[in-house]
Amino acid sequence: MALTINPAQAADLSQIMTIEHAGFSPAEAATPASMAERIALIPDTFLVAKQGTTVVGYVVGPAFNQRYLTDALFEKSTPNAAGDAYQTVLSLAVSPDYRGAGIASHLLTALATVARQQRRRAITLTCLKRLVPFYEANGYVNEGVSTSTHAGETWYNLVLPLTD
């Protein structure tokens, strides 16, 4: 599979939203307006994987000054600040037709490359319990249950250190 990973563009929004709704419950999923705002404000950390012109997956999150995500990050985006120590992941999703091909891991690796270039200390995210083994297989450390109440779910804090 010839896969490219590049910053998201406004023209990708429709395909991104189709994947978002396939990967997240209605309560968890971002709105089209939120995704459009993220594309506009944090294109350097909104990466899409494409096969040809088809978006097959994406990862997105802003830089942040705290080790763990807060629910407010899901509601309002701001441009990445150079001094923030952490890169977050708000959404990582792959089209159902392309799951199992390693695309999500490729996206995490690409985001880690960007985060290192931006001198972030670590990547931080929250995930559901069933996804903890996937992130651990990608080098993330489970640091326990999050205080997040996003979508009424129990979330776990996972962190990937980027510096020694």
C-alpha atoms as a PDB file:
ATOM      1  CA  MET A   1       0.000   0.000   0.000  1.00  0.00           C
ATOM      2  CA  ALA A   2       1.437   3.384  -1.028  1.00  0.00           C
ATOM      3  CA  LEU A   3       0.723   5.498   2.015  1.00  0.00           C
ATOM      4  CA  THR A   4       1.554   9.173   2.514  1.00  0.00           C
ATOM      5  CA  ILE A   5       1.282  11.125   5.763  1.00  0.00           C
ATOM      6  CA  ASN A   6       0.904  14.899   5.557  1.00  0.00           C
ATOM      7  CA  PRO A   7      -0.810  17.782   7.363  1.00  0.00           C
ATOM      8  CA  ALA A   8      -4.596  17.828   7.009  1.00  0.00           C
ATOM      9  CA  GLN A   9      -6.214  20.320   4.674  1.00  0.00           C
ATOM     10  CA  ALA A  10      -9.721  21.792   4.646  1.00  0.00           C
ATOM     11  CA  ALA A  11     -10.541  19.664   1.592  1.00  0.00           C
ATOM     12  CA  ASP A  12      -9.987  16.527   3.740  1.00  0.00           C
ATOM     13  CA  LEU A  13     -12.738  17.410   6.250  1.00  0.00           C
ATOM     14  CA  SER A  14     -15.555  15.310   4.773  1.00  0.00           C
ATOM     15  CA  GLN A  15     -13.418  12.154   4.662  1.00  0.00           C
ATOM     16  CA  ILE A  16     -12.046  12.867   8.158  1.00  0.00           C
ATOM     17  CA  MET A  17     -15.574  13.172   9.567  1.00  0.00           C
ATOM     18  CA  THR A  18     -16.633   9.871   7.978  1.00  0.00           C
ATOM     19  CA  ILE A  19     -13.704   8.166   9.730  1.00  0.00           C
ATOM     20  CA  GLU A  20     -14.374  10.055  12.998  1.00  0.00           C
ATOM     21  CA  HIS A  21     -17.962   8.790  13.100  1.00  0.00           C
ATOM     22  CA  ALA A  22     -16.862   5.234  12.289  1.00  0.00           C
ATOM     23  CA  GLY A  23     -14.328   5.282  15.133  1.00  0.00           C
ATOM     24  CA  PHE A  24     -16.101   7.125  17.922  1.00  0.00           C
ATOM     25  CA  SER A  25     -19.557   7.107  19.487  1.00  0.00           C
ATOM     26  CA  PRO A  26     -21.743  10.165  18.856  1.00  0.00           C
ATOM     27  CA  ALA A  27     -20.899  11.420  22.373  1.00  0.00           C
ATOM     28  CA  GLU A  28     -17.147  10.952  21.820  1.00  0.00           C
ATOM     29  CA  ALA A  29     -16.910  12.241  18.240  1.00  0.00           C
ATOM     30  CA  ALA A  30     -15.780  15.733  17.378  1.00  0.00           C
ATOM     31  CA  THR A  31     -18.110  17.985  15.421  1.00  0.00           C
ATOM     32  CA  PRO A  32     -17.310  19.109  11.879  1.00  0.00           C
ATOM     33  CA  ALA A  33     -16.811  22.634  13.235  1.00  0.00           C
ATOM     34  CA  SER A  34     -14.290  21.386  15.820  1.00  0.00           C
ATOM     35  CA  MET A  35     -12.367  19.425  13.199  1.00  0.00           C
ATOM     36  CA  ALA A  36     -12.350  22.385  10.804  1.00  0.00           C
ATOM     37  CA  GLU A  37     -11.020  24.569  13.623  1.00  0.00           C
ATOM     38  CA  ARG A  38      -8.270  22.031  14.347  1.00  0.00           C
ATOM     39  CA  ILE A  39      -7.275  21.887  10.670  1.00  0.00           C
ATOM     40  CA  ALA A  40      -7.074  25.699  10.606  1.00  0.00           C
ATOM     41  CA  LEU A  41      -5.279  26.213  13.940  1.00  0.00           C
ATOM     42  CA  ILE A  42      -2.984  23.182  14.351  1.00  0.00           C
ATOM     43  CA  PRO A  43      -2.202  21.861  10.859  1.00  0.00           C
ATOM     44  CA  ASP A  44       1.323  20.872  11.926  1.00  0.00           C
ATOM     45  CA  THR A  45      -0.094  18.364  14.427  1.00  0.00           C
ATOM     46  CA  PHE A  46      -3.139  17.244  12.423  1.00  0.00           C
ATOM     47  CA  LEU A  47      -1.761  14.497  10.219  1.00  0.00           C
ATOM     48  CA  VAL A  48      -3.671  12.465   7.655  1.00  0.00           C
ATOM     49  CA  ALA A  49      -2.684   9.171   6.100  1.00  0.00           C
ATOM     50  CA  LYS A  50      -3.732   8.864   2.472  1.00  0.00           C
ATOM     51  CA  GLN A  51      -3.715   6.185  -0.139  1.00  0.00           C
ATOM     52  CA  GLY A  52      -3.764   8.263  -3.296  1.00  0.00           C
ATOM     53  CA  THR A  53      -6.339  10.974  -2.607  1.00  0.00           C
ATOM     54  CA  THR A  54      -8.301   8.891  -0.095  1.00  0.00           C
ATOM     55  CA  VAL A  55      -7.915   9.723   3.605  1.00  0.00           C
ATOM     56  CA  VAL A  56      -7.540   6.375   5.377  1.00  0.00           C
ATOM     57  CA  GLY A  57      -6.707   7.657   8.867  1.00  0.00           C
ATOM     58  CA  TYR A  58      -5.635  10.643  10.907  1.00  0.00           C
ATOM     59  CA  VAL A  59      -4.184  11.774  14.222  1.00  0.00           C
ATOM     60  CA  VAL A  60      -4.737  15.200  15.745  1.00  0.00           C
ATOM     61  CA  GLY A  61      -3.964  17.073  18.939  1.00  0.00           C
ATOM     62  CA  PRO A  62      -2.625  20.405  20.133  1.00  0.00           C
ATOM     63  CA  ALA A  63       0.490  21.077  22.131  1.00  0.00           C
ATOM     64  CA  PHE A  64      -0.304  21.459  25.819  1.00  0.00           C
ATOM     65  CA  ASN A  65       1.412  22.611  29.009  1.00  0.00           C
ATOM     66  CA  GLN A  66       0.143  19.783  31.248  1.00  0.00           C
ATOM     67  CA  ARG A  67       1.014  16.084  31.413  1.00  0.00           C
ATOM     68  CA  TYR A  68      -2.613  14.948  31.145  1.00  0.00           C
ATOM     69  CA  LEU A  69      -5.421  16.051  28.850  1.00  0.00           C
ATOM     70  CA  THR A  70      -8.313  18.076  30.183  1.00  0.00           C
ATOM     71  CA  ASP A  71     -11.838  17.870  28.803  1.00  0.00           C
ATOM     72  CA  ALA A  72     -11.597  21.522  27.744  1.00  0.00           C
ATOM     73  CA  LEU A  73      -9.125  20.501  25.010  1.00  0.00           C
ATOM     74  CA  PHE A  74     -11.936  18.684  23.211  1.00  0.00           C
ATOM     75  CA  GLU A  75     -14.134  21.776  23.181  1.00  0.00           C
ATOM     76  CA  LYS A  76     -11.895  24.612  21.962  1.00  0.00           C
ATOM     77  CA  SER A  77      -8.690  24.611  19.935  1.00  0.00           C
ATOM     78  CA  THR A  78      -5.848  27.080  20.150  1.00  0.00           C
ATOM     79  CA  PRO A  79      -2.675  27.308  18.060  1.00  0.00           C
ATOM     80  CA  ASN A  80       0.295  25.260  19.246  1.00  0.00           C
ATOM     81  CA  ALA A  81       2.570  27.189  21.609  1.00  0.00           C
ATOM     82  CA  ALA A  82       6.287  26.683  21.061  1.00  0.00           C
ATOM     83  CA  GLY A  83       7.013  26.352  24.788  1.00  0.00           C
ATOM     84  CA  ASP A  84       4.422  23.691  25.620  1.00  0.00           C
ATOM     85  CA  ALA A  85       6.089  20.506  26.857  1.00  0.00           C
ATOM     86  CA  TYR A  86       3.474  18.005  25.717  1.00  0.00           C
ATOM     87  CA  GLN A  87       1.946  16.935  22.447  1.00  0.00           C
ATOM     88  CA  THR A  88      -1.596  15.627  22.877  1.00  0.00           C
ATOM     89  CA  VAL A  89      -3.686  13.196  20.874  1.00  0.00           C
ATOM     90  CA  LEU A  90      -7.376  14.089  20.804  1.00  0.00           C
ATOM     91  CA  SER A  91      -8.285  11.678  18.005  1.00  0.00           C
ATOM     92  CA  LEU A  92      -6.562   8.785  16.287  1.00  0.00           C
ATOM     93  CA  ALA A  93      -8.782   6.925  13.848  1.00  0.00           C
ATOM     94  CA  VAL A  94      -8.450   4.693  10.817  1.00  0.00           C
ATOM     95  CA  SER A  95     -11.126   3.909   8.241  1.00  0.00           C
ATOM     96  CA  PRO A  96     -12.716   0.509   8.937  1.00  0.00           C
ATOM     97  CA  ASP A  97     -11.639  -0.623   5.442  1.00  0.00           C
ATOM     98  CA  TYR A  98      -7.962  -0.054   6.335  1.00  0.00           C
ATOM     99  CA  ARG A  99      -7.754  -1.248   9.935  1.00  0.00           C
ATOM    100  CA  GLY A 100      -5.157  -3.871  10.804  1.00  0.00           C
ATOM    101  CA  ALA A 101      -2.612  -2.556   8.299  1.00  0.00           C
ATOM    102  CA  GLY A 102      -0.480  -0.642  10.830  1.00  0.00           C
ATOM    103  CA  ILE A 103      -1.746   2.791   9.772  1.00  0.00           C
ATOM    104  CA  ALA A 104      -2.520   3.948  13.319  1.00  0.00           C
ATOM    105  CA  SER A 105       1.012   3.039  14.422  1.00  0.00           C
ATOM    106  CA  HIS A 106       2.468   4.878  11.401  1.00  0.00           C
ATOM    107  CA  LEU A 107       0.445   7.958  12.343  1.00  0.00           C
ATOM    108  CA  LEU A 108       1.695   7.819  15.945  1.00  0.00           C
ATOM    109  CA  THR A 109       5.286   7.524  14.709  1.00  0.00           C
ATOM    110  CA  ALA A 110       4.817  10.499  12.372  1.00  0.00           C
ATOM    111  CA  LEU A 111       3.321  12.582  15.200  1.00  0.00           C
ATOM    112  CA  ALA A 112       6.238  11.644  17.464  1.00  0.00           C
ATOM    113  CA  THR A 113       8.638  12.872  14.778  1.00  0.00           C
ATOM    114  CA  VAL A 114       6.837  16.228  14.640  1.00  0.00           C
ATOM    115  CA  ALA A 115       6.726  16.428  18.448  1.00  0.00           C
ATOM    116  CA  ARG A 116      10.476  15.778  18.712  1.00  0.00           C
ATOM    117  CA  GLN A 117      11.165  18.452  16.085  1.00  0.00           C
ATOM    118  CA  GLN A 118       9.054  20.849  18.167  1.00  0.00           C
ATOM    119  CA  ARG A 119      11.008  19.843  21.282  1.00  0.00           C
ATOM    120  CA  ARG A 120       8.045  18.362  23.165  1.00  0.00           C
ATOM    121  CA  ARG A 121       8.898  16.282  26.233  1.00  0.00           C
ATOM    122  CA  ALA A 122       6.211  13.622  25.688  1.00  0.00           C
ATOM    123  CA  ILE A 123       3.005  12.728  23.890  1.00  0.00           C
ATOM    124  CA  THR A 124      -0.046  12.388  26.108  1.00  0.00           C
ATOM    125  CA  LEU A 125      -3.491  10.986  25.410  1.00  0.00           C
ATOM    126  CA  THR A 126      -6.496   9.349  26.986  1.00  0.00           C
ATOM    127  CA  CYS A 127      -8.040   6.140  25.727  1.00  0.00           C
ATOM    128  CA  LEU A 128     -10.594   3.522  26.637  1.00  0.00           C
ATOM    129  CA  LYS A 129      -9.411   0.412  28.482  1.00  0.00           C
ATOM    130  CA  ARG A 130      -9.748  -1.813  25.389  1.00  0.00           C
ATOM    131  CA  LEU A 131      -7.173   0.372  23.567  1.00  0.00           C
ATOM    132  CA  VAL A 132      -4.513   0.415  26.309  1.00  0.00           C
ATOM    133  CA  PRO A 133      -2.670  -2.656  24.889  1.00  0.00           C
ATOM    134  CA  PHE A 134      -2.423  -1.014  21.437  1.00  0.00           C
ATOM    135  CA  TYR A 135      -0.826   2.126  22.865  1.00  0.00           C
ATOM    136  CA  GLU A 136       1.472   0.114  25.143  1.00  0.00           C
ATOM    137  CA  ALA A 137       2.643  -1.826  22.062  1.00  0.00           C
ATOM    138  CA  ASN A 138       3.549   1.578  20.585  1.00  0.00           C
ATOM    139  CA  GLY A 139       5.684   2.515  23.599  1.00  0.00           C
ATOM    140  CA  TYR A 140       3.126   4.427  25.663  1.00  0.00           C
ATOM    141  CA  VAL A 141       2.994   3.974  29.430  1.00  0.00           C
ATOM    142  CA  ASN A 142      -0.370   3.567  31.175  1.00  0.00           C
ATOM    143  CA  GLU A 143      -0.354   6.085  34.033  1.00  0.00           C
ATOM    144  CA  GLY A 144      -3.788   5.155  35.367  1.00  0.00           C
ATOM    145  CA  VAL A 145      -7.367   6.334  35.223  1.00  0.00           C
ATOM    146  CA  SER A 146      -7.884   9.860  33.944  1.00  0.00           C
ATOM    147  CA  THR A 147     -10.010  12.504  35.641  1.00  0.00           C
ATOM    148  CA  SER A 148     -11.725  13.035  32.263  1.00  0.00           C
ATOM    149  CA  THR A 149     -15.481  12.633  32.108  1.00  0.00           C
ATOM    150  CA  HIS A 150     -15.597  13.116  28.316  1.00  0.00           C
ATOM    151  CA  ALA A 151     -18.635  11.328  26.857  1.00  0.00           C
ATOM    152  CA  GLY A 152     -19.336   9.735  30.264  1.00  0.00           C
ATOM    153  CA  GLU A 153     -16.585   7.127  29.718  1.00  0.00           C
ATOM    154  CA  THR A 154     -13.708   5.882  31.896  1.00  0.00           C
ATOM    155  CA  TRP A 155     -10.462   6.991  30.263  1.00  0.00           C
ATOM    156  CA  TYR A 156      -6.844   6.055  30.908  1.00  0.00           C
ATOM    157  CA  ASN A 157      -3.846   8.409  30.751  1.00  0.00           C
ATOM    158  CA  LEU A 158      -1.129   7.144  28.424  1.00  0.00           C
ATOM    159  CA  VAL A 159       2.180   8.917  27.935  1.00  0.00           C
ATOM    160  CA  LEU A 160       5.027   8.381  25.462  1.00  0.00           C
ATOM    161  CA  PRO A 161       8.273   9.955  26.734  1.00  0.00           C
ATOM    162  CA  LEU A 162      10.231  11.636  23.930  1.00  0.00           C
ATOM    163  CA  THR A 163      13.338  12.619  25.886  1.00  0.00           C
ATOM    164  CA  ASP A 164      15.695  10.685  28.109  1.00  0.00           C
END
